[in-house]
């Protein structure tokens, strides 16, 4: 949390130190003790908000995220950041990558949605009997393999831990290109957030850019660079076209299908956390790609401020999960469907991930664009998140809360306690502020 009374530079240094300490004392130790699977690879995540393990099944979505996190922790430790568990992280990333390649990646560059702890594929109920149901599982698999490749590449060339590096890169590229084609043709399955017919999704496109940029950074493949630039430019165009509004999670792609003649609940709703996550994804991808960097500019912090203002709860603090494009409770014509029901039912909940993604996004954008307003938002977000979400007794975070901040023992997306957003945001924030945010 920000320390009052210090200079800006000293306050940011204190923030970085706090992020690293919280990561090392409350987040990572919990996962190392309760979740990490050093027998089969990957991580157990089917915990309720009280930390009780309900199942040892593995959702591919989470396994890919874990592989990336372990790889990034390995790199951070090598760079001198004193992050807990970094000396074991390369091996854990590699073991997760092997689990993904051996059990999850299917013919045609798609992935199984869920397996047993040992890796046996589990059929899904939606659609009945399917094993592949989500392009998000594909993209998080790519992310996890990219994290493992980047980590093991730092080992000596003759190290046994690098024996599968080439295979990971080949399989990751296969899945990435398949996902890109399916998203382009609007045939990608998107459980647990099914996209209504006649609409396209921001979420799958922004995740594609992030996964592709991480794989490109790990492999320097021309194919992956092409994916980053293609989808990055499409997202920049969509974001700029919507200023001073916000690009929605779903948008109409043509005549017919969902939407009718008036605004629907889905076309009118916005997810502020996704906008902020998208913006730092773009900045991250553009950091080594000049052609993408040239597409960015002052519209980026302007859009971030718009998302923060629209999403902030003036009554209880924190970012709402969903809002109407002009603020407040989502509204519009209702057509039915699971996603519409989700928006109606959970719009005012306070989830862990929008808050921490906003903390990291504001750190990056405030530094990059020298924005005092975004640093002020960073302070505001920190004060709310760290006062609201950490659980007593070092039990990680209670990740789902109602509007006023009371714990909710509910499922978000997957029936898991997620090991990704908090750890990623704290790790990247500590690194970013240390290297960039305290330099002036």
Protein backbone atom coordinates (compact mmCIF):
# COMPACT_ATOMS: atom_id res chain seq x y z
CA UNK A 1 0.00 0.00 0.00
CA UNK A 2 1.13 3.56 -0.61
CA UNK A 3 2.84 5.26 2.31
CA UNK A 4 1.67 8.82 2.92
CA UNK A 5 4.13 11.62 3.56
CA UNK A 6 6.91 10.32 1.31
CA UNK A 7 8.17 11.70 -1.96
CA UNK A 8 6.67 10.20 -5.10
CA UNK A 9 9.79 8.17 -5.79
CA UNK A 10 10.01 6.90 -2.22
CA UNK A 11 6.30 6.04 -2.19
CA UNK A 12 6.64 3.95 -5.32
CA UNK A 13 9.65 2.16 -3.88
CA UNK A 14 7.59 1.39 -0.79
CA UNK A 15 4.79 0.08 -3.00
CA UNK A 16 7.20 -2.28 -4.79
CA UNK A 17 8.58 -3.54 -1.50
CA UNK A 18 5.06 -4.08 -0.18
CA UNK A 19 4.00 -6.00 -3.30
CA UNK A 20 6.98 -8.32 -3.09
CA UNK A 21 6.57 -8.88 0.64
CA UNK A 22 2.86 -9.66 0.26
CA UNK A 23 3.60 -12.03 -2.62
CA UNK A 24 6.28 -13.80 -0.58
CA UNK A 25 4.41 -13.95 2.73
CA UNK A 26 0.76 -14.50 1.84
CA UNK A 27 0.28 -15.59 -1.77
CA UNK A 28 3.04 -17.93 -2.93
CA UNK A 29 3.54 -19.84 0.36
CA UNK A 30 -0.14 -20.78 0.36
CA UNK A 31 0.08 -22.21 -3.15
CA UNK A 32 3.35 -24.00 -2.49
CA UNK A 33 1.88 -25.65 0.58
CA UNK A 34 -1.59 -26.43 -0.74
CA UNK A 35 -1.69 -26.39 -4.53
CA UNK A 36 1.56 -27.23 -6.27
CA UNK A 37 1.65 -30.76 -7.74
CA UNK A 38 5.28 -31.83 -7.89
CA UNK A 39 4.24 -35.42 -8.62
CA UNK A 40 2.37 -35.01 -11.92
CA UNK A 41 3.09 -31.36 -12.72
CA UNK A 42 0.83 -28.35 -12.61
CA UNK A 43 -1.29 -27.20 -9.72
CA UNK A 44 -4.42 -28.18 -7.79
CA UNK A 45 -6.95 -25.36 -7.79
CA UNK A 46 -10.37 -26.74 -6.85
CA UNK A 47 -10.45 -24.99 -3.47
CA UNK A 48 -13.38 -23.10 -2.04
CA UNK A 49 -12.87 -19.61 -0.64
CA UNK A 50 -12.08 -21.11 2.75
CA UNK A 51 -9.17 -23.05 1.29
CA UNK A 52 -10.79 -26.51 1.40
CA UNK A 53 -9.78 -28.82 -1.45
CA UNK A 54 -12.95 -30.05 -3.15
CA UNK A 55 -11.43 -32.00 -6.06
CA UNK A 56 -8.05 -32.88 -7.55
CA UNK A 57 -9.31 -32.44 -11.12
CA UNK A 58 -7.27 -30.03 -13.21
CA UNK A 59 -8.69 -27.34 -15.48
CA UNK A 60 -6.38 -26.64 -18.39
CA UNK A 61 -7.04 -22.91 -18.04
CA UNK A 62 -5.34 -22.92 -14.63
CA UNK A 63 -2.52 -25.31 -15.56
CA UNK A 64 -1.37 -23.01 -18.34
CA UNK A 65 -1.49 -20.04 -16.03
CA UNK A 66 0.59 -21.89 -13.47
CA UNK A 67 3.20 -22.85 -16.05
CA UNK A 68 3.60 -19.22 -17.06
CA UNK A 69 3.77 -18.03 -13.45
CA UNK A 70 6.47 -20.52 -12.52
CA UNK A 71 8.47 -19.56 -15.60
CA UNK A 72 8.20 -15.86 -14.81
CA UNK A 73 9.14 -16.41 -11.16
CA UNK A 74 12.23 -18.28 -12.33
CA UNK A 75 13.26 -15.38 -14.56
CA UNK A 76 12.57 -12.83 -11.83
CA UNK A 77 14.73 -14.72 -9.36
CA UNK A 78 17.56 -14.99 -11.86
CA UNK A 79 17.39 -11.23 -12.38
CA UNK A 80 17.96 -10.64 -8.68
CA UNK A 81 14.41 -10.21 -7.36
CA UNK A 82 14.08 -12.10 -4.08
CA UNK A 83 10.88 -13.95 -4.94
CA UNK A 84 9.87 -17.00 -2.93
CA UNK A 85 10.49 -20.37 -4.57
CA UNK A 86 12.33 -19.15 -7.63
CA UNK A 87 15.02 -21.83 -7.49
CA UNK A 88 12.38 -24.56 -7.91
CA UNK A 89 10.30 -22.60 -10.40
CA UNK A 90 12.11 -23.65 -13.60
CA UNK A 91 11.57 -27.32 -12.83
CA UNK A 92 7.92 -26.68 -11.96
CA UNK A 93 7.36 -24.76 -15.17
CA UNK A 94 8.95 -27.59 -17.17
CA UNK A 95 6.90 -30.25 -15.43
CA UNK A 96 3.72 -28.29 -16.11
CA UNK A 97 4.67 -27.93 -19.78
CA UNK A 98 5.23 -31.68 -20.02
CA UNK A 99 1.83 -32.31 -18.40
CA UNK A 100 0.14 -30.03 -20.94
CA UNK A 101 1.83 -31.62 -23.96
CA UNK A 102 1.31 -35.18 -22.77
CA UNK A 103 -2.32 -34.92 -21.68
CA UNK A 104 -4.06 -31.76 -22.83
CA UNK A 105 -3.14 -30.90 -26.43
CA UNK A 106 -5.37 -32.78 -28.88
CA UNK A 107 -5.39 -33.29 -32.64
CA UNK A 108 -6.05 -30.13 -34.61
CA UNK A 109 -4.35 -27.72 -32.23
CA UNK A 110 -7.09 -27.69 -29.60
CA UNK A 111 -6.97 -28.62 -25.93
CA UNK A 112 -8.97 -30.62 -23.43
CA UNK A 113 -10.87 -28.45 -20.97
CA UNK A 114 -10.43 -30.64 -17.89
CA UNK A 115 -8.43 -33.67 -16.75
CA UNK A 116 -7.93 -35.76 -13.65
CA UNK A 117 -4.92 -35.02 -11.50
CA UNK A 118 -2.97 -37.67 -13.41
CA UNK A 119 -4.00 -36.27 -16.82
CA UNK A 120 -6.94 -38.40 -17.98
CA UNK A 121 -9.26 -36.25 -20.10
CA UNK A 122 -12.74 -35.62 -18.65
CA UNK A 123 -15.78 -35.23 -20.90
CA UNK A 124 -17.86 -32.09 -20.38
CA UNK A 125 -21.60 -31.65 -19.99
CA UNK A 126 -21.69 -28.51 -22.19
CA UNK A 127 -21.82 -29.54 -24.95
CA UNK A 128 -22.50 -33.12 -23.83
CA UNK A 129 -19.54 -35.43 -24.21
CA UNK A 130 -17.13 -32.80 -25.54
CA UNK A 131 -13.55 -32.65 -24.30
CA UNK A 132 -12.57 -29.41 -26.05
CA UNK A 133 -14.93 -26.56 -25.18
CA UNK A 134 -12.87 -23.36 -24.90
CA UNK A 135 -10.33 -21.35 -26.83
CA UNK A 136 -9.33 -19.87 -23.48
CA UNK A 137 -7.93 -23.25 -22.48
CA UNK A 138 -5.98 -23.23 -25.73
CA UNK A 139 -4.57 -19.77 -25.14
CA UNK A 140 -3.60 -20.41 -21.53
CA UNK A 141 -1.87 -23.58 -22.68
CA UNK A 142 0.16 -21.44 -25.09
CA UNK A 143 0.91 -19.02 -22.26
CA UNK A 144 2.11 -21.81 -19.98
CA UNK A 145 4.35 -23.34 -22.63
CA UNK A 146 5.79 -19.89 -23.41
CA UNK A 147 6.61 -19.39 -19.73
CA UNK A 148 8.37 -22.75 -19.53
CA UNK A 149 10.34 -22.14 -22.73
CA UNK A 150 11.56 -18.75 -21.48
CA UNK A 151 12.62 -20.23 -18.14
CA UNK A 152 14.46 -23.32 -19.36
CA UNK A 153 16.19 -21.34 -22.10
CA UNK A 154 18.27 -19.71 -19.36
CA UNK A 155 19.75 -23.10 -18.46
CA UNK A 156 22.96 -24.37 -20.12
CA UNK A 157 22.40 -25.69 -23.64
CA UNK A 158 23.20 -29.27 -22.59
CA UNK A 159 20.92 -29.23 -19.54
CA UNK A 160 18.46 -32.13 -19.40
CA UNK A 161 15.67 -29.75 -18.44
CA UNK A 162 15.82 -28.31 -21.98
CA UNK A 163 15.26 -31.62 -23.73
CA UNK A 164 11.60 -30.88 -24.55
CA UNK A 165 11.98 -27.16 -25.28
CA UNK A 166 11.65 -27.56 -29.04
CA UNK A 167 8.57 -29.76 -28.71
CA UNK A 168 6.92 -27.23 -26.39
CA UNK A 169 7.55 -24.48 -28.94
CA UNK A 170 6.19 -26.59 -31.81
CA UNK A 171 3.02 -27.55 -29.94
CA UNK A 172 2.45 -24.04 -28.60
CA UNK A 173 2.74 -22.57 -32.10
CA UNK A 174 0.33 -25.18 -33.46
CA UNK A 175 -2.27 -24.33 -30.80
CA UNK A 176 -1.78 -20.57 -31.20
CA UNK A 177 -2.25 -20.60 -34.96
CA UNK A 178 -5.30 -22.85 -34.66
CA UNK A 179 -6.82 -20.53 -32.05
CA UNK A 180 -6.14 -17.49 -34.22
CA UNK A 181 -7.88 -19.09 -37.20
CA UNK A 182 -10.90 -20.07 -35.14
CA UNK A 183 -11.23 -16.65 -33.55
CA UNK A 184 -10.92 -15.02 -36.98
CA UNK A 185 -13.65 -17.27 -38.41
CA UNK A 186 -15.80 -16.86 -35.28
CA UNK A 187 -15.93 -20.60 -34.74
CA UNK A 188 -13.99 -20.68 -31.47
CA UNK A 189 -15.77 -22.19 -28.50
CA UNK A 190 -15.56 -19.94 -25.45
CA UNK A 191 -16.72 -21.77 -22.34
CA UNK A 192 -17.37 -20.70 -19.62
CA UNK A 193 -18.41 -17.44 -21.37
CA UNK A 194 -20.26 -18.55 -24.52
CA UNK A 195 -20.39 -15.81 -27.15
CA UNK A 196 -23.95 -15.30 -28.48
CA UNK A 197 -24.54 -15.94 -32.17
CA UNK A 198 -23.82 -12.91 -34.32
CA UNK A 199 -21.38 -11.36 -31.84
CA UNK A 200 -17.65 -11.31 -31.28
CA UNK A 201 -15.72 -11.22 -28.02
CA UNK A 202 -13.07 -8.83 -26.75
CA UNK A 203 -11.88 -11.35 -24.18
CA UNK A 204 -10.69 -14.00 -26.61
CA UNK A 205 -8.94 -11.44 -28.82
CA UNK A 206 -7.07 -9.72 -26.00
CA UNK A 207 -5.98 -13.05 -24.55
CA UNK A 208 -4.77 -14.08 -27.99
CA UNK A 209 -2.52 -11.01 -28.12
CA UNK A 210 -1.10 -11.72 -24.66
CA UNK A 211 -0.44 -15.41 -25.33
CA UNK A 212 1.08 -14.66 -28.73
CA UNK A 213 3.34 -11.92 -27.40
CA UNK A 214 4.62 -14.19 -24.61
CA UNK A 215 5.31 -16.99 -27.09
CA UNK A 216 7.02 -14.58 -29.47
CA UNK A 217 9.20 -13.28 -26.65
CA UNK A 218 10.18 -16.86 -25.80
CA UNK A 219 10.78 -18.13 -29.35
CA UNK A 220 11.20 -15.06 -31.62
CA UNK A 221 9.14 -16.91 -34.21
CA UNK A 222 8.01 -14.92 -37.26
CA UNK A 223 4.67 -16.75 -37.18
CA UNK A 224 3.92 -15.65 -33.64
CA UNK A 225 5.04 -12.09 -34.35
CA UNK A 226 2.55 -11.96 -37.21
CA UNK A 227 -0.25 -13.03 -34.85
CA UNK A 228 0.69 -10.34 -32.31
CA UNK A 229 0.73 -7.58 -34.92
CA UNK A 230 -2.45 -8.71 -36.66
CA UNK A 231 -4.58 -8.91 -33.54
CA UNK A 232 -2.84 -6.05 -31.77
CA UNK A 233 -3.68 -3.69 -34.62
CA UNK A 234 -7.31 -4.90 -34.66
CA UNK A 235 -7.67 -4.25 -30.93
CA UNK A 236 -6.06 -0.81 -31.20
CA UNK A 237 -8.50 0.10 -33.98
CA UNK A 238 -11.48 -1.13 -31.94
CA UNK A 239 -10.36 0.74 -28.83
CA UNK A 240 -9.73 4.01 -30.67
CA UNK A 241 -13.01 3.78 -32.55
CA UNK A 242 -14.89 3.58 -29.27
CA UNK A 243 -13.35 6.65 -27.64
CA UNK A 244 -14.67 8.40 -25.62
CA UNK A 245 -16.69 5.29 -24.87
CA UNK A 246 -15.33 1.85 -24.09
CA UNK A 247 -15.08 -1.21 -26.32
CA UNK A 248 -17.54 -3.78 -25.04
CA UNK A 249 -16.86 -7.38 -24.20
CA UNK A 250 -19.30 -8.33 -26.95
CA UNK A 251 -19.93 -6.41 -30.14
CA UNK A 252 -22.23 -7.03 -33.08
CA UNK A 253 -20.35 -8.30 -36.12
CA UNK A 254 -23.01 -7.92 -38.76
CA UNK A 255 -26.71 -8.01 -39.52
CA UNK A 256 -28.89 -10.59 -37.82
CA UNK A 257 -28.01 -12.64 -34.78
CA UNK A 258 -28.11 -11.11 -31.35
CA UNK A 259 -28.94 -7.48 -30.84
CA UNK A 260 -32.18 -6.72 -32.66
CA UNK A 261 -32.86 -3.08 -33.41
CA UNK A 262 -32.19 -1.68 -29.94
CA UNK A 263 -29.46 -1.89 -27.36
CA UNK A 264 -29.40 -5.18 -25.50
CA UNK A 265 -28.02 -5.96 -22.08
CA UNK A 266 -25.00 -7.54 -23.74
CA UNK A 267 -24.23 -4.87 -26.32
CA UNK A 268 -24.61 -2.19 -23.66
CA UNK A 269 -22.56 -3.80 -20.90
CA UNK A 270 -18.87 -3.18 -20.25
CA UNK A 271 -16.18 -4.94 -18.20
CA UNK A 272 -13.81 -2.23 -16.91
CA UNK A 273 -11.24 -4.76 -15.69
CA UNK A 274 -10.85 -6.16 -19.19
CA UNK A 275 -10.22 -2.73 -20.67
CA UNK A 276 -7.43 -2.07 -18.18
CA UNK A 277 -5.95 -5.53 -18.71
CA UNK A 278 -6.11 -5.03 -22.48
CA UNK A 279 -4.21 -1.75 -22.26
CA UNK A 280 -1.28 -3.18 -20.36
CA UNK A 281 -1.30 -6.22 -22.70
CA UNK A 282 -0.88 -3.83 -25.63
CA UNK A 283 1.88 -1.84 -23.91
CA UNK A 284 3.66 -5.06 -23.01
CA UNK A 285 3.39 -6.49 -26.53
CA UNK A 286 4.54 -3.17 -28.04
CA UNK A 287 7.59 -2.88 -25.78
CA UNK A 288 9.72 -4.82 -28.30
CA UNK A 289 7.63 -4.33 -31.44
CA UNK A 290 8.09 -0.78 -32.79
CA UNK A 291 5.33 -1.09 -35.40
CA UNK A 292 2.78 -1.81 -32.67
CA UNK A 293 4.27 0.82 -30.37
CA UNK A 294 3.64 3.48 -33.00
CA UNK A 295 -0.08 2.72 -32.80
CA UNK A 296 -0.22 3.62 -29.12
CA UNK A 297 -0.27 7.10 -27.65
CA UNK A 298 -2.17 9.46 -25.38
CA UNK A 299 -5.45 7.73 -26.18
CA UNK A 300 -4.23 4.83 -23.99
CA UNK A 301 -4.20 6.67 -20.63
CA UNK A 302 -7.39 8.48 -21.67
CA UNK A 303 -9.15 5.15 -22.15
CA UNK A 304 -7.76 3.83 -18.87
CA UNK A 305 -9.14 6.83 -16.99
CA UNK A 306 -12.51 6.35 -18.68
CA UNK A 307 -12.61 2.69 -17.60
CA UNK A 308 -11.68 3.57 -14.02
CA UNK A 309 -14.26 6.33 -13.76
CA UNK A 310 -16.99 4.18 -15.26
CA UNK A 311 -16.20 1.10 -13.19
CA UNK A 312 -15.54 2.61 -9.76
CA UNK A 313 -18.15 2.14 -7.05
CA UNK A 314 -18.50 5.54 -5.38
CA UNK A 315 -20.57 4.04 -2.57
CA UNK A 316 -18.45 1.10 -1.39
CA UNK A 317 -15.21 1.43 -3.34
CA UNK A 318 -13.63 -0.98 -5.77
CA UNK A 319 -14.31 -1.79 -9.40
CA UNK A 320 -17.59 -3.38 -10.38
CA UNK A 321 -17.49 -6.57 -12.40
CA UNK A 322 -19.83 -5.22 -15.09
CA UNK A 323 -21.42 -1.83 -15.78
CA UNK A 324 -23.57 -0.19 -18.40
CA UNK A 325 -21.60 1.74 -21.03
CA UNK A 326 -22.76 4.99 -19.41
CA UNK A 327 -22.27 3.73 -15.86
CA UNK A 328 -24.27 1.91 -13.23
CA UNK A 329 -26.18 -1.34 -13.48
CA UNK A 330 -26.17 -2.94 -16.94
CA UNK A 331 -29.46 -2.43 -18.77
CA UNK A 332 -31.05 -2.98 -22.17
CA UNK A 333 -33.26 -5.46 -23.97
CA UNK A 334 -32.90 -9.00 -22.64
CA UNK A 335 -32.77 -12.00 -24.90
CA UNK A 336 -31.80 -14.77 -22.48
CA UNK A 337 -28.72 -16.94 -22.27
CA UNK A 338 -26.12 -17.91 -19.68
CA UNK A 339 -23.86 -14.92 -20.14
CA UNK A 340 -26.74 -12.46 -19.89
CA UNK A 341 -27.85 -14.13 -16.66
CA UNK A 342 -24.29 -13.85 -15.33
CA UNK A 343 -24.15 -10.12 -16.07
CA UNK A 344 -27.51 -9.50 -14.41
CA UNK A 345 -26.71 -11.55 -11.32
CA UNK A 346 -23.10 -10.60 -10.61
CA UNK A 347 -22.59 -7.09 -12.01
CA UNK A 348 -22.03 -5.46 -8.60
CA UNK A 349 -19.77 -8.13 -7.12
CA UNK A 350 -16.18 -7.24 -6.31
CA UNK A 351 -13.76 -9.74 -7.74
CA UNK A 352 -10.05 -9.99 -7.04
CA UNK A 353 -8.88 -9.87 -10.63
CA UNK A 354 -10.19 -6.45 -11.81
CA UNK A 355 -8.66 -4.79 -8.75
CA UNK A 356 -5.16 -6.26 -9.15
CA UNK A 357 -5.14 -5.91 -12.93
CA UNK A 358 -6.05 -2.25 -12.45
CA UNK A 359 -3.22 -1.81 -9.95
CA UNK A 360 -0.66 -3.13 -12.41
CA UNK A 361 -2.18 -1.35 -15.40
CA UNK A 362 -2.12 2.02 -13.66
CA UNK A 363 1.51 1.47 -12.61
CA UNK A 364 2.54 0.79 -16.21
CA UNK A 365 0.49 3.54 -17.80
CA UNK A 366 1.22 6.20 -15.17
CA UNK A 367 4.93 5.65 -15.69
CA UNK A 368 4.80 5.38 -19.49
CA UNK A 369 2.63 8.48 -19.97
CA UNK A 370 3.74 10.44 -16.88
CA UNK A 371 0.17 10.62 -15.60
CA UNK A 372 -0.39 12.01 -12.13
CA UNK A 373 -4.07 11.06 -12.38
CA UNK A 374 -3.24 7.42 -12.93
CA UNK A 375 -0.82 7.37 -9.98
CA UNK A 376 -3.66 8.76 -7.87
CA UNK A 377 -5.89 5.95 -9.09
CA UNK A 378 -3.13 3.48 -8.29
CA UNK A 379 -3.11 4.70 -4.68
CA UNK A 380 -6.91 4.47 -4.51
CA UNK A 381 -6.98 0.95 -5.92
CA UNK A 382 -4.25 -0.24 -3.58
CA UNK A 383 -6.01 1.12 -0.53
CA UNK A 384 -9.23 -0.66 -1.47
CA UNK A 385 -7.77 -4.00 -2.59
CA UNK A 386 -5.42 -4.61 0.31
CA UNK A 387 -8.04 -3.56 2.86
CA UNK A 388 -10.69 -5.81 1.33
CA UNK A 389 -9.40 -9.06 -0.17
CA UNK A 390 -6.60 -10.62 1.92
CA UNK A 391 -7.93 -13.43 4.11
CA UNK A 392 -7.03 -13.78 7.79
CA UNK A 393 -4.34 -16.23 8.84
CA UNK A 394 -2.34 -15.91 5.61
CA UNK A 395 -4.96 -17.88 3.67
CA UNK A 396 -4.17 -16.13 0.41
CA UNK A 397 -7.18 -13.96 -0.63
CA UNK A 398 -10.92 -14.43 -0.45
CA UNK A 399 -11.29 -13.66 -4.12
CA UNK A 400 -15.05 -13.10 -4.46
CA UNK A 401 -17.00 -10.55 -2.45
CA UNK A 402 -20.33 -8.77 -2.61
CA UNK A 403 -20.67 -5.09 -3.36
CA UNK A 404 -19.94 -4.06 0.22
CA UNK A 405 -16.92 -6.38 0.47
CA UNK A 406 -18.39 -9.33 2.36
CA UNK A 407 -17.05 -12.76 1.30
CA UNK A 408 -19.10 -14.80 -1.16
CA UNK A 409 -18.50 -18.52 -1.50
CA UNK A 410 -19.39 -18.60 -5.18
CA UNK A 411 -17.82 -19.82 -8.42
CA UNK A 412 -16.34 -17.38 -10.94
CA UNK A 413 -15.78 -18.86 -14.42
CA UNK A 414 -14.20 -22.11 -13.21
CA UNK A 415 -14.82 -23.86 -9.87
CA UNK A 416 -11.34 -22.96 -8.67
CA UNK A 417 -9.35 -20.71 -6.39
CA UNK A 418 -7.21 -19.02 -8.99
CA UNK A 419 -3.40 -18.85 -8.55
CA UNK A 420 -2.76 -16.37 -11.33
CA UNK A 421 -4.01 -12.78 -11.27
CA UNK A 422 -2.85 -11.82 -7.78
CA UNK A 423 0.59 -13.37 -8.11
CA UNK A 424 1.08 -12.03 -11.63
CA UNK A 425 0.05 -8.48 -10.74
CA UNK A 426 2.17 -8.33 -7.58
CA UNK A 427 5.21 -9.85 -9.28
CA UNK A 428 5.02 -7.64 -12.36
CA UNK A 429 4.19 -4.55 -10.31
CA UNK A 430 7.18 -5.07 -8.03
CA UNK A 431 9.44 -5.51 -11.05
CA UNK A 432 7.95 -2.60 -12.99
CA UNK A 433 8.03 -0.08 -10.17
CA UNK A 434 11.56 -1.12 -9.19
CA UNK A 435 12.90 -0.66 -12.71
CA UNK A 436 10.69 2.14 -14.07
CA UNK A 437 8.51 3.74 -11.43
CA UNK A 438 11.31 4.93 -9.13
CA UNK A 439 13.59 6.33 -11.80
CA UNK A 440 12.32 9.88 -11.63
